C-alpha atoms as a PDB file:
ATOM      1  CA  MET A   1      -0.803  17.773  -7.910  1.00  0.00           C
ATOM      2  CA  THR A   2       2.694  16.611  -8.777  1.00  0.00           C
ATOM      3  CA  VAL A   3       3.996  13.093  -8.265  1.00  0.00           C
ATOM      4  CA  LEU A   4       7.738  12.489  -8.217  1.00  0.00           C
ATOM      5  CA  LEU A   5       8.710   9.004  -9.350  1.00  0.00           C
ATOM      6  CA  THR A   6      12.305   7.903  -8.955  1.00  0.00           C
ATOM      7  CA  GLY A   7      14.037   4.871 -10.436  1.00  0.00           C
ATOM      8  CA  PHE A   8      17.593   3.601 -10.239  1.00  0.00           C
ATOM      9  CA  GLU A   9      20.426   3.394 -12.693  1.00  0.00           C
ATOM     10  CA  PRO A  10      21.598  -0.144 -13.636  1.00  0.00           C
ATOM     11  CA  PHE A  11      23.637  -1.973 -11.019  1.00  0.00           C
ATOM     12  CA  GLY A  12      25.189  -5.347 -10.319  1.00  0.00           C
ATOM     13  CA  GLY A  13      26.520  -5.744 -13.853  1.00  0.00           C
ATOM     14  CA  SER A  14      23.156  -5.319 -15.579  1.00  0.00           C
ATOM     15  CA  ALA A  15      22.864  -3.042 -18.606  1.00  0.00           C
ATOM     16  CA  THR A  16      19.362  -1.877 -17.670  1.00  0.00           C
ATOM     17  CA  ASN A  17      17.194  -1.251 -14.636  1.00  0.00           C
ATOM     18  CA  PRO A  18      13.449  -1.831 -15.067  1.00  0.00           C
ATOM     19  CA  SER A  19      12.653   0.590 -12.256  1.00  0.00           C
ATOM     20  CA  TRP A  20      13.970   3.525 -14.282  1.00  0.00           C
ATOM     21  CA  GLU A  21      12.527   2.227 -17.540  1.00  0.00           C
ATOM     22  CA  ALA A  22       9.072   1.828 -15.976  1.00  0.00           C
ATOM     23  CA  VAL A  23       8.939   5.225 -14.249  1.00  0.00           C
ATOM     24  CA  SER A  24      10.135   6.866 -17.453  1.00  0.00           C
ATOM     25  CA  LEU A  25       7.188   5.350 -19.312  1.00  0.00           C
ATOM     26  CA  VAL A  26       4.726   6.582 -16.699  1.00  0.00           C
ATOM     27  CA  ALA A  27       6.173  10.098 -16.709  1.00  0.00           C
ATOM     28  CA  ALA A  28       6.041  10.248 -20.501  1.00  0.00           C
ATOM     29  CA  ARG A  29       2.311   9.588 -20.400  1.00  0.00           C
ATOM     30  CA  ARG A  30       1.181  11.727 -17.453  1.00  0.00           C
ATOM     31  CA  GLU A  31       1.621  15.483 -17.141  1.00  0.00           C
ATOM     32  CA  GLU A  32       1.485  15.430 -13.341  1.00  0.00           C
ATOM     33  CA  VAL A  33       4.325  12.897 -13.040  1.00  0.00           C
ATOM     34  CA  VAL A  34       8.041  13.735 -13.133  1.00  0.00           C
ATOM     35  CA  ALA A  35      10.720  11.037 -13.194  1.00  0.00           C
ATOM     36  CA  VAL A  36      14.245  11.251 -11.786  1.00  0.00           C
ATOM     37  CA  GLU A  37      16.962   8.615 -12.011  1.00  0.00           C
ATOM     38  CA  LEU A  38      18.873   7.997  -8.770  1.00  0.00           C
ATOM     39  CA  PRO A  39      22.416   6.642  -8.565  1.00  0.00           C
ATOM     40  CA  CYS A  40      22.796   3.170  -7.100  1.00  0.00           C
ATOM     41  CA  ALA A  41      25.418   4.403  -4.661  1.00  0.00           C
ATOM     42  CA  PHE A  42      25.082   4.822  -0.916  1.00  0.00           C
ATOM     43  CA  ASP A  43      26.849   8.185  -0.692  1.00  0.00           C
ATOM     44  CA  ALA A  44      25.028   9.736  -3.640  1.00  0.00           C
ATOM     45  CA  SER A  45      21.468   8.373  -3.565  1.00  0.00           C
ATOM     46  CA  LEU A  46      19.991  10.465  -0.747  1.00  0.00           C
ATOM     47  CA  PRO A  47      21.542  13.789  -1.822  1.00  0.00           C
ATOM     48  CA  ALA A  48      20.113  13.151  -5.292  1.00  0.00           C
ATOM     49  CA  LEU A  49      16.703  12.382  -3.803  1.00  0.00           C
ATOM     50  CA  ARG A  50      16.715  15.551  -1.702  1.00  0.00           C
ATOM     51  CA  ALA A  51      17.734  17.613  -4.732  1.00  0.00           C
ATOM     52  CA  ALA A  52      14.857  16.140  -6.758  1.00  0.00           C
ATOM     53  CA  ILE A  53      12.339  16.965  -4.025  1.00  0.00           C
ATOM     54  CA  GLU A  54      13.649  20.523  -3.690  1.00  0.00           C
ATOM     55  CA  ARG A  55      13.580  21.048  -7.439  1.00  0.00           C
ATOM     56  CA  HIS A  56      10.149  19.618  -8.233  1.00  0.00           C
ATOM     57  CA  ARG A  57       8.297  20.300  -4.952  1.00  0.00           C
ATOM     58  CA  PRO A  58       5.990  17.296  -5.390  1.00  0.00           C
ATOM     59  CA  ASP A  59       2.896  16.442  -3.376  1.00  0.00           C
ATOM     60  CA  VAL A  60       3.756  12.735  -3.368  1.00  0.00           C
ATOM     61  CA  VAL A  61       7.041  10.848  -3.822  1.00  0.00           C
ATOM     62  CA  VAL A  62       7.133   7.228  -4.962  1.00  0.00           C
ATOM     63  CA  CYS A  63      10.609   5.758  -5.169  1.00  0.00           C
ATOM     64  CA  VAL A  64      10.911   2.612  -7.272  1.00  0.00           C
ATOM     65  CA  GLY A  65      13.570  -0.088  -7.339  1.00  0.00           C
ATOM     66  CA  GLN A  66      14.223  -3.495  -8.848  1.00  0.00           C
ATOM     67  CA  ALA A  67      13.690  -6.639  -6.781  1.00  0.00           C
ATOM     68  CA  GLY A  68      15.259  -9.592  -8.558  1.00  0.00           C
ATOM     69  CA  GLY A  69      13.540 -12.855  -7.698  1.00  0.00           C
ATOM     70  CA  ARG A  70      10.110 -11.328  -7.180  1.00  0.00           C
ATOM     71  CA  ALA A  71       7.269 -11.949  -9.588  1.00  0.00           C
ATOM     72  CA  ASP A  72       4.944  -9.219  -8.265  1.00  0.00           C
ATOM     73  CA  VAL A  73       5.034  -5.448  -8.178  1.00  0.00           C
ATOM     74  CA  THR A  74       5.364  -4.871  -4.444  1.00  0.00           C
ATOM     75  CA  PRO A  75       4.549  -1.633  -2.619  1.00  0.00           C
ATOM     76  CA  GLU A  76       6.748  -1.617   0.482  1.00  0.00           C
ATOM     77  CA  ARG A  77       5.270  -1.185   3.943  1.00  0.00           C
ATOM     78  CA  VAL A  78       8.293  -0.550   6.180  1.00  0.00           C
ATOM     79  CA  ALA A  79      11.872   0.727   5.886  1.00  0.00           C
ATOM     80  CA  ILE A  80      14.513  -0.144   8.489  1.00  0.00           C
ATOM     81  CA  ASN A  81      17.448   1.919   9.694  1.00  0.00           C
ATOM     82  CA  LEU A  82      20.047  -0.541   8.467  1.00  0.00           C
ATOM     83  CA  VAL A  83      22.474  -0.882   5.580  1.00  0.00           C
ATOM     84  CA  ASP A  84      24.050  -4.321   5.119  1.00  0.00           C
ATOM     85  CA  ALA A  85      25.276  -4.532   1.536  1.00  0.00           C
ATOM     86  CA  ARG A  86      25.606  -8.009   0.028  1.00  0.00           C
ATOM     87  CA  ILE A  87      27.369  -6.572  -3.032  1.00  0.00           C
ATOM     88  CA  PRO A  88      29.250  -3.302  -3.639  1.00  0.00           C
ATOM     89  CA  ASP A  89      27.319  -0.351  -4.971  1.00  0.00           C
ATOM     90  CA  ASN A  90      28.199   1.351  -8.253  1.00  0.00           C
ATOM     91  CA  ALA A  91      30.887   3.395  -6.510  1.00  0.00           C
ATOM     92  CA  GLY A  92      32.497   0.305  -5.008  1.00  0.00           C
ATOM     93  CA  ALA A  93      31.225   0.898  -1.465  1.00  0.00           C
ATOM     94  CA  GLN A  94      29.961  -2.055   0.567  1.00  0.00           C
ATOM     95  CA  PRO A  95      28.915  -0.853   4.040  1.00  0.00           C
ATOM     96  CA  VAL A  96      27.985  -3.538   6.552  1.00  0.00           C
ATOM     97  CA  ASP A  97      25.777  -3.133   9.621  1.00  0.00           C
ATOM     98  CA  VAL A  98      25.570   0.655   9.622  1.00  0.00           C
ATOM     99  CA  PRO A  99      22.483   2.842  10.073  1.00  0.00           C
ATOM    100  CA  VAL A 100      20.947   4.824   7.255  1.00  0.00           C
ATOM    101  CA  VAL A 101      20.610   7.731   9.670  1.00  0.00           C
ATOM    102  CA  GLU A 102      22.710   7.762  12.832  1.00  0.00           C
ATOM    103  CA  GLY A 103      20.375   8.070  15.799  1.00  0.00           C
ATOM    104  CA  GLY A 104      17.265   7.745  13.645  1.00  0.00           C
ATOM    105  CA  PRO A 105      14.235   5.620  14.519  1.00  0.00           C
ATOM    106  CA  ALA A 106      14.567   1.867  14.024  1.00  0.00           C
ATOM    107  CA  ALA A 107      11.984   1.967  11.236  1.00  0.00           C
ATOM    108  CA  TYR A 108       9.501   4.089   9.324  1.00  0.00           C
ATOM    109  CA  PHE A 109       6.194   2.992   7.853  1.00  0.00           C
ATOM    110  CA  THR A 110       5.128   4.238   4.436  1.00  0.00           C
ATOM    111  CA  SER A 111       2.601   7.046   4.280  1.00  0.00           C
ATOM    112  CA  LEU A 112       1.049   5.625   1.114  1.00  0.00           C
ATOM    113  CA  PRO A 113      -2.047   3.356   0.978  1.00  0.00           C
ATOM    114  CA  VAL A 114      -0.168   0.210  -0.004  1.00  0.00           C
ATOM    115  CA  LYS A 115      -3.098  -2.196   0.330  1.00  0.00           C
ATOM    116  CA  ALA A 116      -5.298  -0.012  -1.841  1.00  0.00           C
ATOM    117  CA  ALA A 117      -2.428   0.244  -4.332  1.00  0.00           C
ATOM    118  CA  VAL A 118      -2.150  -3.532  -4.516  1.00  0.00           C
ATOM    119  CA  ALA A 119      -5.906  -3.788  -5.043  1.00  0.00           C
ATOM    120  CA  ALA A 120      -5.612  -1.346  -7.951  1.00  0.00           C
ATOM    121  CA  ILE A 121      -2.706  -3.284  -9.449  1.00  0.00           C
ATOM    122  CA  ARG A 122      -4.682  -6.514  -9.276  1.00  0.00           C
ATOM    123  CA  ALA A 123      -7.786  -4.820 -10.694  1.00  0.00           C
ATOM    124  CA  ALA A 124      -5.648  -4.059 -13.746  1.00  0.00           C
ATOM    125  CA  ASN A 125      -4.955  -7.806 -14.046  1.00  0.00           C
ATOM    126  CA  LEU A 126      -1.337  -7.363 -13.006  1.00  0.00           C
ATOM    127  CA  PRO A 127       0.589  -9.158 -10.255  1.00  0.00           C
ATOM    128  CA  GLY A 128       0.869  -7.195  -7.022  1.00  0.00           C
ATOM    129  CA  SER A 129       1.336  -7.800  -3.321  1.00  0.00           C
ATOM    130  CA  VAL A 130       2.379  -5.895  -0.196  1.00  0.00           C
ATOM    131  CA  SER A 131       5.992  -6.392   0.850  1.00  0.00           C
ATOM    132  CA  HIS A 132       7.205  -6.113   4.436  1.00  0.00           C
ATOM    133  CA  THR A 133      10.895  -5.890   3.626  1.00  0.00           C
ATOM    134  CA  ALA A 134      12.736  -3.590   1.250  1.00  0.00           C
ATOM    135  CA  GLY A 135      16.020  -5.423   1.858  1.00  0.00           C
ATOM    136  CA  THR A 136      19.173  -3.828   3.266  1.00  0.00           C
ATOM    137  CA  TYR A 137      20.712  -2.417   0.092  1.00  0.00           C
ATOM    138  CA  VAL A 138      20.324   0.968  -1.635  1.00  0.00           C
ATOM    139  CA  CYS A 139      16.560   0.517  -2.117  1.00  0.00           C
ATOM    140  CA  ASN A 140      15.957   0.311   1.609  1.00  0.00           C
ATOM    141  CA  GLN A 141      18.398   3.152   2.194  1.00  0.00           C
ATOM    142  CA  VAL A 142      16.434   5.382  -0.178  1.00  0.00           C
ATOM    143  CA  PHE A 143      13.092   4.312   1.299  1.00  0.00           C
ATOM    144  CA  TYR A 144      14.243   4.984   4.853  1.00  0.00           C
ATOM    145  CA  GLY A 145      16.006   8.177   3.838  1.00  0.00           C
ATOM    146  CA  LEU A 146      12.870   9.382   2.073  1.00  0.00           C
ATOM    147  CA  MET A 147      10.673   8.768   5.090  1.00  0.00           C
ATOM    148  CA  HIS A 148      13.213  10.454   7.368  1.00  0.00           C
ATOM    149  CA  LEU A 149      13.230  13.503   5.091  1.00  0.00           C
ATOM    150  CA  LEU A 150       9.440  13.626   5.203  1.00  0.00           C
ATOM    151  CA  ALA A 151       9.450  13.340   8.996  1.00  0.00           C
ATOM    152  CA  THR A 152      12.057  16.032   9.501  1.00  0.00           C
ATOM    153  CA  ASP A 153      12.300  18.448   6.577  1.00  0.00           C
ATOM    154  CA  PHE A 154       9.204  18.105   4.395  1.00  0.00           C
ATOM    155  CA  PRO A 155       6.113  17.883   6.644  1.00  0.00           C
ATOM    156  CA  GLY A 156       2.919  17.236   4.752  1.00  0.00           C
ATOM    157  CA  LEU A 157       4.656  15.475   1.882  1.00  0.00           C
ATOM    158  CA  ARG A 158       3.607  11.838   1.456  1.00  0.00           C
ATOM    159  CA  GLY A 159       5.893   9.107   0.167  1.00  0.00           C
ATOM    160  CA  GLY A 160       6.827   5.474  -0.101  1.00  0.00           C
ATOM    161  CA  PHE A 161       8.597   2.840  -2.116  1.00  0.00           C
ATOM    162  CA  VAL A 162       7.630   0.218  -4.699  1.00  0.00           C
ATOM    163  CA  HIS A 163       9.692  -2.676  -6.036  1.00  0.00           C
ATOM    164  CA  VAL A 164       9.222  -3.998  -9.574  1.00  0.00           C
ATOM    165  CA  PRO A 165      10.462  -7.387 -10.839  1.00  0.00           C
ATOM    166  CA  SER A 166      13.377  -7.909 -13.173  1.00  0.00           C
ATOM    167  CA  SER A 167      12.589  -7.590 -16.864  1.00  0.00           C
ATOM    168  CA  PRO A 168      12.549 -10.799 -18.950  1.00  0.00           C
ATOM    169  CA  ASP A 169      15.803  -9.944 -20.735  1.00  0.00           C
ATOM    170  CA  GLN A 170      17.562  -9.916 -17.367  1.00  0.00           C
ATOM    171  CA  VAL A 171      16.550 -13.495 -16.575  1.00  0.00           C
ATOM    172  CA  PRO A 172      16.949 -15.450 -19.833  1.00  0.00           C
ATOM    173  CA  ASP A 173      16.964 -18.737 -17.916  1.00  0.00           C
ATOM    174  CA  GLY A 174      13.347 -18.251 -16.911  1.00  0.00           C
ATOM    175  CA  GLY A 175      13.353 -16.791 -13.406  1.00  0.00           C
ATOM    176  CA  PRO A 176      10.620 -14.488 -12.095  1.00  0.00           C
ATOM    177  CA  SER A 177      10.204 -11.397 -14.264  1.00  0.00           C
ATOM    178  CA  LEU A 178       7.693  -8.920 -15.634  1.00  0.00           C
ATOM    179  CA  PRO A 179       7.805  -6.930 -18.879  1.00  0.00           C
ATOM    180  CA  VAL A 180       8.635  -3.276 -18.276  1.00  0.00           C
ATOM    181  CA  GLU A 181       5.396  -2.202 -19.947  1.00  0.00           C
ATOM    182  CA  GLN A 182       3.434  -4.170 -17.348  1.00  0.00           C
ATOM    183  CA  SER A 183       5.521  -2.774 -14.500  1.00  0.00           C
ATOM    184  CA  ALA A 184       4.735   0.694 -15.838  1.00  0.00           C
ATOM    185  CA  ALA A 185       1.021  -0.118 -15.965  1.00  0.00           C
ATOM    186  CA  ALA A 186       1.182  -1.265 -12.347  1.00  0.00           C
ATOM    187  CA  LEU A 187       2.961   1.935 -11.329  1.00  0.00           C
ATOM    188  CA  ASN A 188       0.307   3.904 -13.172  1.00  0.00           C
ATOM    189  CA  ALA A 189      -2.287   2.195 -10.973  1.00  0.00           C
ATOM    190  CA  VAL A 190      -0.209   3.107  -7.923  1.00  0.00           C
ATOM    191  CA  VAL A 191      -0.116   6.756  -8.982  1.00  0.00           C
ATOM    192  CA  ASP A 192      -3.889   6.788  -9.493  1.00  0.00           C
ATOM    193  CA  THR A 193      -4.313   5.325  -6.019  1.00  0.00           C
ATOM    194  CA  VAL A 194      -2.010   7.678  -4.131  1.00  0.00           C
ATOM    195  CA  LEU A 195      -3.673  10.678  -5.783  1.00  0.00           C
ATOM    196  CA  SER A 196      -7.182   9.583  -4.816  1.00  0.00           C
ATOM    197  CA  VAL A 197      -6.900   7.500  -1.625  1.00  0.00           C
ATOM    198  CA  ARG A 198      -5.835   8.690   1.830  1.00  0.00           C
ATOM    199  CA  GLU A 199      -7.221   5.945   4.093  1.00  0.00           C
ATOM    200  CA  ASP A 200      -5.840   2.499   3.318  1.00  0.00           C
ATOM    201  CA  LEU A 201      -8.009  -0.600   3.002  1.00  0.00           C
ATOM    202  CA  THR A 202      -8.648  -2.603   6.167  1.00  0.00           C
ATOM    203  CA  VAL A 203      -7.830  -5.999   4.699  1.00  0.00           C
ATOM    204  CA  SER A 204      -5.167  -8.520   5.581  1.00  0.00           C
ATOM    205  CA  ALA A 205      -1.887  -8.354   3.691  1.00  0.00           C
ATOM    206  CA  GLY A 206       0.179 -10.121   6.315  1.00  0.00           C
ATOM    207  CA  THR A 207       2.390 -13.144   5.920  1.00  0.00           C
ATOM    208  CA  LEU A 208       3.217 -16.154   8.099  1.00  0.00           C
ATOM    209  CA  ASN A 209       6.957 -15.951   7.475  1.00  0.00           C
END
């Protein structure tokens, strides 16, 4: 089986993006994993994702992005059909209150076993938790766009999204972060899980707010 991992180019003034660094490490160590870097730009991200799927014909797609302010690696549960950009993307675009896909469903749920993935991350002594929001920036756009592609053009293909924390060099003042090597180890556990698990765990991963 082939797993396509995607990460993003740096954005928001940062010189690096731990999502791309982490997926690159995983791909370098696993023959069944291919890594593709996506542009952090609304107009270009989904065409690049489609091109990667058409080129590599994977069995599973896991898109990965950076979530500044989070301390855990967080498999995402749901993508919403909304773009509301707090900052411009790398092409200078800043769309507000527009759908990812005009006329598309309000939301898509991941087709990956996110609770089992979190259990595997924690079993590796790494921080992990299920997230119920992928934001409203390019990460959510890619997550929603991926799930829409799977629902419409690539039946049978499974996919989802995972956020990794900032790397320590990005938060020198001591905010939440995780070394890229540890983010890569967590993603490795995610890959193991999605290749071996179809039915997710029936355990609570909900939140009160």
